[in-house]
Amino acid sequence: MSPTATASEARPPARARRIAWAPRWLVVLHRYLGVALGALMLLWCLSGMVMLFVAYPSVSQDERLARLPRIDWSHCCVMDAAAPAQARVRGAAIEQLAGAPVLRLRLAEGPPRLIDLSNGQVLRGASRTDALAVAEAWGPPTAVVPLIRDQWTVGGEFNRGRPFWRIRLGDPQATDIYVSRRSGEVVQHTTRASRTLNWMGAVPHWLYPTLLRQHPAVWTQVVIWTSLAGVFLTLCGLYLGVLAWRPFGDRRLSPFRGLMTWHHLTGLVAGVLTLTWVASGLFSMTPWGFLESPEDPAPARLAGPPPRFAEVQAALESAAARAPAVAQVRLVPLGGRAFILAGDARLDAAGHPAPLSPADLAAAGARLGEVAAQGLLAAEDAYYFSHHEAVSLPAWRVLMRDGRRYYLDPRTGELLAAFDAPAKGFRWLHEGLHRLDFVPGFRRGPVWAAVTLALLGFVTFGVATGVWLGWRRILHDVAGLRRPRN
């Protein structure tokens, strides 16, 4: 046998060229859109790494209460002129503000009211002096600035407290405390570290700069349409990548060379993760009503008809007569009756202890509809669990025949969380896909963070190589246009 014949026989047979629909306009669109939008998606990846470890600044109710002084009952409680006796009350709480007990009252109609209980006077809000006194519990104040909103109070959840006093504390952390000028409550708390890290995390990830976020309708549309464009870009990349893939019979899996080969082959896997994260980020905005729950009547069913102010006043005065050593006393109505929570103690309208029994909680659950099962939940489940924010346990879980589920505070019967069909879909299609927290016991912690960080790094590599290759090709195309023709 001749050497030529041997070489010919050793060469693998040529594979028929694959015929597939891949129009050039799609390739060009993917390239140029990949540079423009890929840079944003790269920013989403990098900021997502920061958000694994850094939460957006907030003040929990427990943190706020821990800084409040105990109520001075010796100067309480003049409230006869706070509201008409027959007015319906949605919420009421007694706390200490700048050395005096105050009543924060929310009626069924009209704006919230702030009453100085030492003299019964209705206050117009928290003054600069009041805000400084509130901030003293957090540290020595050094500067006060009035404002309506800034980067850390731009969200809609702060609307009820606007405007604010922002107070800088004289501590090494450069802490800022935000006090509502309406109620005198601390609504936000930031430090130099949390502000800096969130500019690398939540702010770019949510497209959250004040300039944009202060216009909710515009911000919503920007996030929705950039997310949709990201989904389209990723689908294009996956489609083109599959067309170019050669999994059978070829010596090379990819027809490309160099960095393009890495982008092609890693992109086939990273693209699936990218699609998962971009699509679930889109779902977080509940676009056009998708996964958006209607207003839930459950809190009103649990509380019953709002009590009249005369009943609330009697209950608060009964609690004041006991002079509990607590920082807050608040109204917790249930089944149309006025109850008071003083610290951890639930009191009836006469000031007597009234803890909730399992039978009471079962009766409260029955007011929500047809119950399939209910009982005390001692550990987290697939819907009620901690992530950055801790959930309150134990909780009274109520499972309805129509699939809805509710979680109640066993101390007061108040609603802690609710999940109807859209909320369940939101939990899995947004939170589940975005956080990769499908597996019980793998929803947070160092192992979860390490795995998620590795996957984010893999996706970041796929996106970054695409941006670089696209940009390099664009520069080449532009240079070709400038080159003189002979």
Foldseek 3Di string as FASTA:
>chain_A
DDPVVVVVVPDDDDDDDDDDDDDPVLVLCLLVLLQVLLVLLLLLLQQALLCQPADQFWADPVNQFVLFAWADLVLDADAPPVDDQFWFWPKWKWFDWLHFIWIFTDTPDDAIWIAGGNHRDTDQFADPSRLQSSCVSVAHWDDKDWDFDALRQLDPVNNSQPTWIWTFHPDPQRKIWTARRHYRGTTTIDTPVSVVSVVSHVCSNLVRHNVQSNPPVRSLVVLLVSLVSQLVSLVSLLVVLVSQADPPDDPDRGPDDDLVSVLSPLSNVLSVLSNLQSQLSNVVSCPPVQLPDDDACLQCLFQDGGDGVNLVVLQVVLLSVVVDRGRMKMWQGGRPATWIQGPLFIAHSNRHTDFADPVNLVVSLVSRDAFPDKDWAADDDLQRQDAPHGADPGWIWTAHPQGKIWTADNGRRGTRDIDDPSNVVSCCSRVCSNQVCRDPVLRGDDVVSVVVSVSSVSSSSSSVSSNVVSVVVVVVVVVVVPDDDD
